[in-house]
Amino acid sequence: MKRVVILVMAVFMMSVSIPVIAAEMTKEQKNECLLASKGCMTEVDTIQKKIKKLDGEIKKGTKVYSPEELKKLNAKLKETEDLLDKIIGGNP
């Protein structure tokens, strides 16, 4: 009887933990440094590299990011592209 109870408890615990693990994996796929400037103390990128990263994150779409987060990433991409244009073009 104890084995059955332990087995049922183990199955229950595993079924509860799997969605939590899946949610954490999705969050890990997000680039928090680009999205919210979190965890990027050691990252220093060139403007071109930042544009490439932002574009890659945007391409992940709604599978990883919410619509609001995608708007933020698109705004940061435009801002970074504008900065690059100013540097290259020399326009203030």
PDB file of N, CA and C in Angstrom:
ATOM      1  N   MET A   1       0.816  -1.191   0.000  1.00  0.00           N
ATOM      2  CA  MET A   1       0.000   0.000   0.000  1.00  0.00           C
ATOM      3  C   MET A   1       0.865   1.262   0.000  1.00  0.00           C
ATOM      4  N   LYS A   2       1.960   1.222   0.784  1.00  0.00           N
ATOM      5  CA  LYS A   2       2.851   2.389   0.830  1.00  0.00           C
ATOM      6  C   LYS A   2       3.450   2.659  -0.540  1.00  0.00           C
ATOM      7  N   ARG A   3       3.782   1.599  -1.253  1.00  0.00           N
ATOM      8  CA  ARG A   3       4.379   1.768  -2.579  1.00  0.00           C
ATOM      9  C   ARG A   3       3.411   2.459  -3.527  1.00  0.00           C
ATOM     10  N   VAL A   4       2.159   2.101  -3.452  1.00  0.00           N
ATOM     11  CA  VAL A   4       1.158   2.705  -4.323  1.00  0.00           C
ATOM     12  C   VAL A   4       1.008   4.185  -4.001  1.00  0.00           C
ATOM     13  N   VAL A   5       0.953   4.526  -2.724  1.00  0.00           N
ATOM     14  CA  VAL A   5       0.827   5.923  -2.312  1.00  0.00           C
ATOM     15  C   VAL A   5       2.047   6.720  -2.761  1.00  0.00           C
ATOM     16  N   ILE A   6       3.230   6.166  -2.567  1.00  0.00           N
ATOM     17  CA  ILE A   6       4.462   6.848  -2.982  1.00  0.00           C
ATOM     18  C   ILE A   6       4.501   7.008  -4.492  1.00  0.00           C
ATOM     19  N   LEU A   7       4.090   5.989  -5.217  1.00  0.00           N
ATOM     20  CA  LEU A   7       4.065   6.050  -6.678  1.00  0.00           C
ATOM     21  C   LEU A   7       3.094   7.123  -7.160  1.00  0.00           C
ATOM     22  N   VAL A   8       1.903   7.173  -6.561  1.00  0.00           N
ATOM     23  CA  VAL A   8       0.915   8.182  -6.945  1.00  0.00           C
ATOM     24  C   VAL A   8       1.436   9.582  -6.631  1.00  0.00           C
ATOM     25  N   MET A   9       2.063   9.754  -5.491  1.00  0.00           N
ATOM     26  CA  MET A   9       2.618  11.061  -5.127  1.00  0.00           C
ATOM     27  C   MET A   9       3.729  11.473  -6.094  1.00  0.00           C
ATOM     28  N   ALA A  10       4.564  10.518  -6.477  1.00  0.00           N
ATOM     29  CA  ALA A  10       5.658  10.815  -7.406  1.00  0.00           C
ATOM     30  C   ALA A  10       5.114  11.247  -8.761  1.00  0.00           C
ATOM     31  N   VAL A  11       4.107  10.547  -9.254  1.00  0.00           N
ATOM     32  CA  VAL A  11       3.503  10.903 -10.543  1.00  0.00           C
ATOM     33  C   VAL A  11       2.867  12.289 -10.457  1.00  0.00           C
ATOM     34  N   PHE A  12       2.195  12.577  -9.371  1.00  0.00           N
ATOM     35  CA  PHE A  12       1.576  13.887  -9.181  1.00  0.00           C
ATOM     36  C   PHE A  12       2.622  14.998  -9.170  1.00  0.00           C
ATOM     37  N   MET A  13       3.698  14.791  -8.443  1.00  0.00           N
ATOM     38  CA  MET A  13       4.762  15.801  -8.353  1.00  0.00           C
ATOM     39  C   MET A  13       5.385  16.047  -9.719  1.00  0.00           C
ATOM     40  N   MET A  14       5.584  14.999 -10.483  1.00  0.00           N
ATOM     41  CA  MET A  14       6.176  15.168 -11.812  1.00  0.00           C
ATOM     42  C   MET A  14       5.231  15.909 -12.742  1.00  0.00           C
ATOM     43  N   SER A  15       3.941  15.619 -12.655  1.00  0.00           N
ATOM     44  CA  SER A  15       2.984  16.289 -13.546  1.00  0.00           C
ATOM     45  C   SER A  15       2.842  17.766 -13.207  1.00  0.00           C
ATOM     46  N   VAL A  16       3.053  18.127 -11.958  1.00  0.00           N
ATOM     47  CA  VAL A  16       2.974  19.528 -11.547  1.00  0.00           C
ATOM     48  C   VAL A  16       4.236  20.279 -11.943  1.00  0.00           C
ATOM     49  N   SER A  17       5.384  19.636 -11.890  1.00  0.00           N
ATOM     50  CA  SER A  17       6.646  20.333 -12.131  1.00  0.00           C
ATOM     51  C   SER A  17       6.948  20.546 -13.615  1.00  0.00           C
ATOM     52  N   ILE A  18       6.416  19.753 -14.505  1.00  0.00           N
ATOM     53  CA  ILE A  18       6.736  19.869 -15.931  1.00  0.00           C
ATOM     54  C   ILE A  18       6.309  21.218 -16.511  1.00  0.00           C
ATOM     55  N   PRO A  19       5.093  21.737 -16.254  1.00  0.00           N
ATOM     56  CA  PRO A  19       4.757  23.067 -16.781  1.00  0.00           C
ATOM     57  C   PRO A  19       5.659  24.173 -16.246  1.00  0.00           C
ATOM     58  N   VAL A  20       6.090  24.054 -15.011  1.00  0.00           N
ATOM     59  CA  VAL A  20       6.984  25.054 -14.430  1.00  0.00           C
ATOM     60  C   VAL A  20       8.321  25.034 -15.156  1.00  0.00           C
ATOM     61  N   ILE A  21       8.841  23.872 -15.428  1.00  0.00           N
ATOM     62  CA  ILE A  21      10.108  23.747 -16.155  1.00  0.00           C
ATOM     63  C   ILE A  21       9.962  24.320 -17.562  1.00  0.00           C
ATOM     64  N   ALA A  22       8.867  24.042 -18.228  1.00  0.00           N
ATOM     65  CA  ALA A  22       8.635  24.567 -19.574  1.00  0.00           C
ATOM     66  C   ALA A  22       8.572  26.086 -19.567  1.00  0.00           C
ATOM     67  N   ALA A  23       7.926  26.671 -18.565  1.00  0.00           N
ATOM     68  CA  ALA A  23       7.836  28.133 -18.478  1.00  0.00           C
ATOM     69  C   ALA A  23       9.214  28.737 -18.255  1.00  0.00           C
ATOM     70  N   GLU A  24      10.052  28.107 -17.443  1.00  0.00           N
ATOM     71  CA  GLU A  24      11.393  28.616 -17.196  1.00  0.00           C
ATOM     72  C   GLU A  24      12.236  28.543 -18.455  1.00  0.00           C
ATOM     73  N   MET A  25      12.075  27.506 -19.247  1.00  0.00           N
ATOM     74  CA  MET A  25      12.844  27.381 -20.477  1.00  0.00           C
ATOM     75  C   MET A  25      12.490  28.510 -21.440  1.00  0.00           C
ATOM     76  N   THR A  26      11.219  28.857 -21.519  1.00  0.00           N
ATOM     77  CA  THR A  26      10.812  29.950 -22.399  1.00  0.00           C
ATOM     78  C   THR A  26      11.421  31.257 -21.935  1.00  0.00           C
ATOM     79  N   LYS A  27      11.441  31.490 -20.630  1.00  0.00           N
ATOM     80  CA  LYS A  27      12.030  32.715 -20.109  1.00  0.00           C
ATOM     81  C   LYS A  27      13.523  32.753 -20.374  1.00  0.00           C
ATOM     82  N   GLU A  28      14.190  31.608 -20.331  1.00  0.00           N
ATOM     83  CA  GLU A  28      15.619  31.581 -20.590  1.00  0.00           C
ATOM     84  C   GLU A  28      15.921  31.924 -22.039  1.00  0.00           C
ATOM     85  N   GLN A  29      14.983  31.631 -22.933  1.00  0.00           N
ATOM     86  CA  GLN A  29      15.204  31.926 -24.339  1.00  0.00           C
ATOM     87  C   GLN A  29      15.119  33.414 -24.628  1.00  0.00           C
ATOM     88  N   LYS A  30      14.497  34.169 -23.748  1.00  0.00           N
ATOM     89  CA  LYS A  30      14.406  35.607 -23.930  1.00  0.00           C
ATOM     90  C   LYS A  30      15.752  36.240 -23.630  1.00  0.00           C
ATOM     91  N   ASN A  31      16.075  37.262 -24.357  1.00  0.00           N
ATOM     92  CA  ASN A  31      17.307  37.983 -24.107  1.00  0.00           C
ATOM     93  C   ASN A  31      16.966  39.162 -23.202  1.00  0.00           C
ATOM     94  N   GLU A  32      17.082  38.948 -21.895  1.00  0.00           N
ATOM     95  CA  GLU A  32      16.710  39.963 -20.914  1.00  0.00           C
ATOM     96  C   GLU A  32      17.598  41.201 -21.007  1.00  0.00           C
ATOM     97  N   CYS A  33      18.816  41.045 -21.462  1.00  0.00           N
ATOM     98  CA  CYS A  33      19.706  42.203 -21.593  1.00  0.00           C
ATOM     99  C   CYS A  33      19.164  43.165 -22.648  1.00  0.00           C
ATOM    100  N   LEU A  34      18.744  42.626 -23.786  1.00  0.00           N
ATOM    101  CA  LEU A  34      18.207  43.485 -24.836  1.00  0.00           C
ATOM    102  C   LEU A  34      16.835  44.024 -24.475  1.00  0.00           C
ATOM    103  N   LEU A  35      16.038  43.207 -23.804  1.00  0.00           N
ATOM    104  CA  LEU A  35      14.664  43.586 -23.517  1.00  0.00           C
ATOM    105  C   LEU A  35      14.569  44.587 -22.383  1.00  0.00           C
ATOM    106  N   ALA A  36      15.256  44.314 -21.277  1.00  0.00           N
ATOM    107  CA  ALA A  36      15.074  45.151 -20.091  1.00  0.00           C
ATOM    108  C   ALA A  36      16.386  45.575 -19.449  1.00  0.00           C
ATOM    109  N   SER A  37      17.475  45.440 -20.161  1.00  0.00           N
ATOM    110  CA  SER A  37      18.798  45.799 -19.645  1.00  0.00           C
ATOM    111  C   SER A  37      19.115  45.075 -18.336  1.00  0.00           C
ATOM    112  N   LYS A  38      18.705  43.816 -18.243  1.00  0.00           N
ATOM    113  CA  LYS A  38      18.994  42.996 -17.063  1.00  0.00           C
ATOM    114  C   LYS A  38      20.075  41.990 -17.401  1.00  0.00           C
ATOM    115  N   GLY A  39      21.021  41.837 -16.518  1.00  0.00           N
ATOM    116  CA  GLY A  39      22.042  40.811 -16.677  1.00  0.00           C
ATOM    117  C   GLY A  39      23.023  41.073 -17.800  1.00  0.00           C
ATOM    118  N   CYS A  40      23.288  42.340 -18.106  1.00  0.00           N
ATOM    119  CA  CYS A  40      24.212  42.609 -19.200  1.00  0.00           C
ATOM    120  C   CYS A  40      25.407  43.436 -18.734  1.00  0.00           C
ATOM    121  N   MET A  41      25.795  43.212 -17.491  1.00  0.00           N
ATOM    122  CA  MET A  41      26.939  43.945 -16.938  1.00  0.00           C
ATOM    123  C   MET A  41      28.222  43.620 -17.698  1.00  0.00           C
ATOM    124  N   THR A  42      28.358  42.379 -18.172  1.00  0.00           N
ATOM    125  CA  THR A  42      29.598  41.963 -18.820  1.00  0.00           C
ATOM    126  C   THR A  42      29.521  42.018 -20.343  1.00  0.00           C
ATOM    127  N   GLU A  43      28.366  42.387 -20.895  1.00  0.00           N
ATOM    128  CA  GLU A  43      28.208  42.397 -22.345  1.00  0.00           C
ATOM    129  C   GLU A  43      28.465  43.785 -22.920  1.00  0.00           C
ATOM    130  N   VAL A  44      29.371  43.839 -23.859  1.00  0.00           N
ATOM    131  CA  VAL A  44      29.632  45.070 -24.590  1.00  0.00           C
ATOM    132  C   VAL A  44      29.616  44.699 -26.065  1.00  0.00           C
ATOM    133  N   ASP A  45      28.656  45.237 -26.800  1.00  0.00           N
ATOM    134  CA  ASP A  45      28.504  44.905 -28.212  1.00  0.00           C
ATOM    135  C   ASP A  45      28.731  46.131 -29.081  1.00  0.00           C
ATOM    136  N   THR A  46      29.154  45.875 -30.295  1.00  0.00           N
ATOM    137  CA  THR A  46      29.199  46.948 -31.279  1.00  0.00           C
ATOM    138  C   THR A  46      27.756  47.243 -31.690  1.00  0.00           C
ATOM    139  N   ILE A  47      27.555  48.351 -32.337  1.00  0.00           N
ATOM    140  CA  ILE A  47      26.204  48.715 -32.768  1.00  0.00           C
ATOM    141  C   ILE A  47      25.677  47.685 -33.766  1.00  0.00           C
ATOM    142  N   GLN A  48      26.536  47.256 -34.682  1.00  0.00           N
ATOM    143  CA  GLN A  48      26.104  46.266 -35.663  1.00  0.00           C
ATOM    144  C   GLN A  48      25.721  44.949 -34.989  1.00  0.00           C
ATOM    145  N   LYS A  49      26.478  44.562 -33.976  1.00  0.00           N
ATOM    146  CA  LYS A  49      26.193  43.315 -33.269  1.00  0.00           C
ATOM    147  C   LYS A  49      24.880  43.432 -32.491  1.00  0.00           C
ATOM    148  N   LYS A  50      24.631  44.602 -31.910  1.00  0.00           N
ATOM    149  CA  LYS A  50      23.386  44.816 -31.179  1.00  0.00           C
ATOM    150  C   LYS A  50      22.196  44.767 -32.133  1.00  0.00           C
ATOM    151  N   ILE A  51      22.335  45.356 -33.305  1.00  0.00           N
ATOM    152  CA  ILE A  51      21.272  45.311 -34.309  1.00  0.00           C
ATOM    153  C   ILE A  51      20.986  43.867 -34.706  1.00  0.00           C
ATOM    154  N   LYS A  52      22.037  43.091 -34.908  1.00  0.00           N
ATOM    155  CA  LYS A  52      21.874  41.685 -35.298  1.00  0.00           C
ATOM    156  C   LYS A  52      21.179  40.893 -34.189  1.00  0.00           C
ATOM    157  N   LYS A  53      21.550  41.146 -32.928  1.00  0.00           N
ATOM    158  CA  LYS A  53      20.915  40.456 -31.801  1.00  0.00           C
ATOM    159  C   LYS A  53      19.442  40.836 -31.694  1.00  0.00           C
ATOM    160  N   LEU A  54      19.147  42.132 -31.789  1.00  0.00           N
ATOM    161  CA  LEU A  54      17.763  42.590 -31.709  1.00  0.00           C
ATOM    162  C   LEU A  54      16.919  41.969 -32.820  1.00  0.00           C
ATOM    163  N   ASP A  55      17.460  41.939 -34.023  1.00  0.00           N
ATOM    164  CA  ASP A  55      16.739  41.356 -35.150  1.00  0.00           C
ATOM    165  C   ASP A  55      16.474  39.869 -34.909  1.00  0.00           C
ATOM    166  N   GLY A  56      17.467  39.165 -34.388  1.00  0.00           N
ATOM    167  CA  GLY A  56      17.301  37.744 -34.093  1.00  0.00           C
ATOM    168  C   GLY A  56      16.242  37.487 -33.037  1.00  0.00           C
ATOM    169  N   GLU A  57      16.213  38.334 -32.010  1.00  0.00           N
ATOM    170  CA  GLU A  57      15.215  38.176 -30.955  1.00  0.00           C
ATOM    171  C   GLU A  57      13.818  38.494 -31.478  1.00  0.00           C
ATOM    172  N   ILE A  58      13.699  39.510 -32.315  1.00  0.00           N
ATOM    173  CA  ILE A  58      12.400  39.879 -32.888  1.00  0.00           C
ATOM    174  C   ILE A  58      11.868  38.740 -33.755  1.00  0.00           C
ATOM    175  N   LYS A  59      12.752  38.063 -34.473  1.00  0.00           N
ATOM    176  CA  LYS A  59      12.335  36.954 -35.340  1.00  0.00           C
ATOM    177  C   LYS A  59      11.777  35.767 -34.551  1.00  0.00           C
ATOM    178  N   LYS A  60      12.094  35.671 -33.257  1.00  0.00           N
ATOM    179  CA  LYS A  60      11.527  34.598 -32.432  1.00  0.00           C
ATOM    180  C   LYS A  60      10.022  34.792 -32.259  1.00  0.00           C
ATOM    181  N   GLY A  61       9.581  36.038 -32.362  1.00  0.00           N
ATOM    182  CA  GLY A  61       8.161  36.360 -32.365  1.00  0.00           C
ATOM    183  C   GLY A  61       7.424  36.044 -31.081  1.00  0.00           C
ATOM    184  N   THR A  62       6.133  35.769 -31.240  1.00  0.00           N
ATOM    185  CA  THR A  62       5.260  35.571 -30.083  1.00  0.00           C
ATOM    186  C   THR A  62       5.444  34.212 -29.424  1.00  0.00           C
ATOM    187  N   LYS A  63       6.283  33.356 -29.984  1.00  0.00           N
ATOM    188  CA  LYS A  63       6.588  32.083 -29.321  1.00  0.00           C
ATOM    189  C   LYS A  63       7.354  32.333 -28.025  1.00  0.00           C
ATOM    190  N   VAL A  64       8.130  33.403 -28.008  1.00  0.00           N
ATOM    191  CA  VAL A  64       8.972  33.704 -26.855  1.00  0.00           C
ATOM    192  C   VAL A  64       8.565  35.008 -26.185  1.00  0.00           C
ATOM    193  N   TYR A  65       8.181  36.012 -26.975  1.00  0.00           N
ATOM    194  CA  TYR A  65       7.903  37.346 -26.443  1.00  0.00           C
ATOM    195  C   TYR A  65       6.426  37.692 -26.535  1.00  0.00           C
ATOM    196  N   SER A  66       5.979  38.507 -25.593  1.00  0.00           N
ATOM    197  CA  SER A  66       4.614  39.034 -25.646  1.00  0.00           C
ATOM    198  C   SER A  66       4.588  40.164 -26.683  1.00  0.00           C
ATOM    199  N   PRO A  67       3.408  40.568 -27.150  1.00  0.00           N
ATOM    200  CA  PRO A  67       3.334  41.683 -28.108  1.00  0.00           C
ATOM    201  C   PRO A  67       3.963  42.972 -27.574  1.00  0.00           C
ATOM    202  N   GLU A  68       3.813  43.231 -26.281  1.00  0.00           N
ATOM    203  CA  GLU A  68       4.406  44.438 -25.696  1.00  0.00           C
ATOM    204  C   GLU A  68       5.929  44.360 -25.728  1.00  0.00           C
ATOM    205  N   GLU A  69       6.462  43.185 -25.437  1.00  0.00           N
ATOM    206  CA  GLU A  69       7.916  43.009 -25.461  1.00  0.00           C
ATOM    207  C   GLU A  69       8.447  43.150 -26.883  1.00  0.00           C
ATOM    208  N   LEU A  70       7.697  42.646 -27.852  1.00  0.00           N
ATOM    209  CA  LEU A  70       8.114  42.796 -29.252  1.00  0.00           C
ATOM    210  C   LEU A  70       8.117  44.263 -29.670  1.00  0.00           C
ATOM    211  N   LYS A  71       7.150  45.044 -29.174  1.00  0.00           N
ATOM    212  CA  LYS A  71       7.134  46.481 -29.472  1.00  0.00           C
ATOM    213  C   LYS A  71       8.379  47.157 -28.903  1.00  0.00           C
ATOM    214  N   LYS A  72       8.758  46.772 -27.668  1.00  0.00           N
ATOM    215  CA  LYS A  72       9.968  47.336 -27.056  1.00  0.00           C
ATOM    216  C   LYS A  72      11.202  46.988 -27.878  1.00  0.00           C
ATOM    217  N   LEU A  73      11.291  45.727 -28.293  1.00  0.00           N
ATOM    218  CA  LEU A  73      12.455  45.305 -29.084  1.00  0.00           C
ATOM    219  C   LEU A  73      12.503  46.041 -30.416  1.00  0.00           C
ATOM    220  N   ASN A  74      11.356  46.207 -31.065  1.00  0.00           N
ATOM    221  CA  ASN A  74      11.316  46.942 -32.333  1.00  0.00           C
ATOM    222  C   ASN A  74      11.718  48.400 -32.136  1.00  0.00           C
ATOM    223  N   ALA A  75      11.276  49.007 -31.042  1.00  0.00           N
ATOM    224  CA  ALA A  75      11.645  50.395 -30.752  1.00  0.00           C
ATOM    225  C   ALA A  75      13.149  50.508 -30.513  1.00  0.00           C
ATOM    226  N   LYS A  76      13.713  49.545 -29.783  1.00  0.00           N
ATOM    227  CA  LYS A  76      15.161  49.564 -29.540  1.00  0.00           C
ATOM    228  C   LYS A  76      15.938  49.339 -30.825  1.00  0.00           C
ATOM    229  N   LEU A  77      15.416  48.479 -31.706  1.00  0.00           N
ATOM    230  CA  LEU A  77      16.073  48.248 -32.997  1.00  0.00           C
ATOM    231  C   LEU A  77      16.071  49.532 -33.821  1.00  0.00           C
ATOM    232  N   LYS A  78      14.944  50.208 -33.892  1.00  0.00           N
ATOM    233  CA  LYS A  78      14.874  51.465 -34.650  1.00  0.00           C
ATOM    234  C   LYS A  78      15.820  52.501 -34.058  1.00  0.00           C
ATOM    235  N   GLU A  79      15.831  52.606 -32.729  1.00  0.00           N
ATOM    236  CA  GLU A  79      16.716  53.559 -32.056  1.00  0.00           C
ATOM    237  C   GLU A  79      18.187  53.259 -32.357  1.00  0.00           C
ATOM    238  N   THR A  80      18.547  52.002 -32.334  1.00  0.00           N
ATOM    239  CA  THR A  80      19.937  51.611 -32.603  1.00  0.00           C
ATOM    240  C   THR A  80      20.296  51.849 -34.061  1.00  0.00           C
ATOM    241  N   GLU A  81      19.363  51.548 -34.973  1.00  0.00           N
ATOM    242  CA  GLU A  81      19.614  51.810 -36.400  1.00  0.00           C
ATOM    243  C   GLU A  81      19.758  53.306 -36.663  1.00  0.00           C
ATOM    244  N   ASP A  82      18.940  54.124 -35.999  1.00  0.00           N
ATOM    245  CA  ASP A  82      19.040  55.585 -36.139  1.00  0.00           C
ATOM    246  C   ASP A  82      20.397  56.086 -35.635  1.00  0.00           C
ATOM    247  N   LEU A  83      20.851  55.522 -34.526  1.00  0.00           N
ATOM    248  CA  LEU A  83      22.159  55.890 -33.983  1.00  0.00           C
ATOM    249  C   LEU A  83      23.266  55.554 -34.968  1.00  0.00           C
ATOM    250  N   LEU A  84      23.185  54.370 -35.565  1.00  0.00           N
ATOM    251  CA  LEU A  84      24.178  53.970 -36.548  1.00  0.00           C
ATOM    252  C   LEU A  84      24.161  54.907 -37.762  1.00  0.00           C
ATOM    253  N   ASP A  85      22.949  55.270 -38.213  1.00  0.00           N
ATOM    254  CA  ASP A  85      22.830  56.196 -39.336  1.00  0.00           C
ATOM    255  C   ASP A  85      23.459  57.554 -39.013  1.00  0.00           C
ATOM    256  N   LYS A  86      23.245  58.035 -37.783  1.00  0.00           N
ATOM    257  CA  LYS A  86      23.839  59.315 -37.373  1.00  0.00           C
ATOM    258  C   LYS A  86      25.357  59.244 -37.363  1.00  0.00           C
ATOM    259  N   ILE A  87      25.884  58.125 -36.869  1.00  0.00           N
ATOM    260  CA  ILE A  87      27.336  57.968 -36.806  1.00  0.00           C
ATOM    261  C   ILE A  87      27.930  57.883 -38.203  1.00  0.00           C
ATOM    262  N   ILE A  88      27.325  57.094 -39.060  1.00  0.00           N
ATOM    263  CA  ILE A  88      27.846  56.894 -40.417  1.00  0.00           C
ATOM    264  C   ILE A  88      27.639  58.156 -41.252  1.00  0.00           C
ATOM    265  N   GLY A  89      26.443  58.728 -41.164  1.00  0.00           N
ATOM    266  CA  GLY A  89      26.113  59.905 -41.979  1.00  0.00           C
ATOM    267  C   GLY A  89      26.666  61.199 -41.426  1.00  0.00           C
ATOM    268  N   GLY A  90      26.999  61.201 -40.145  1.00  0.00           N
ATOM    269  CA  GLY A  90      27.499  62.407 -39.523  1.00  0.00           C
ATOM    270  C   GLY A  90      26.426  63.442 -39.258  1.00  0.00           C
ATOM    271  N   ASN A  91      25.155  63.060 -39.363  1.00  0.00           N
ATOM    272  CA  ASN A  91      24.055  64.004 -39.090  1.00  0.00           C
ATOM    273  C   ASN A  91      23.781  64.042 -37.587  1.00  0.00           C
ATOM    274  N   PRO A  92      23.607  65.237 -37.034  1.00  0.00           N
ATOM    275  CA  PRO A  92      23.293  65.339 -35.598  1.00  0.00           C
ATOM    276  C   PRO A  92      21.903  64.924 -35.263  1.00  0.00           C
TER     277      PRO A  92
END
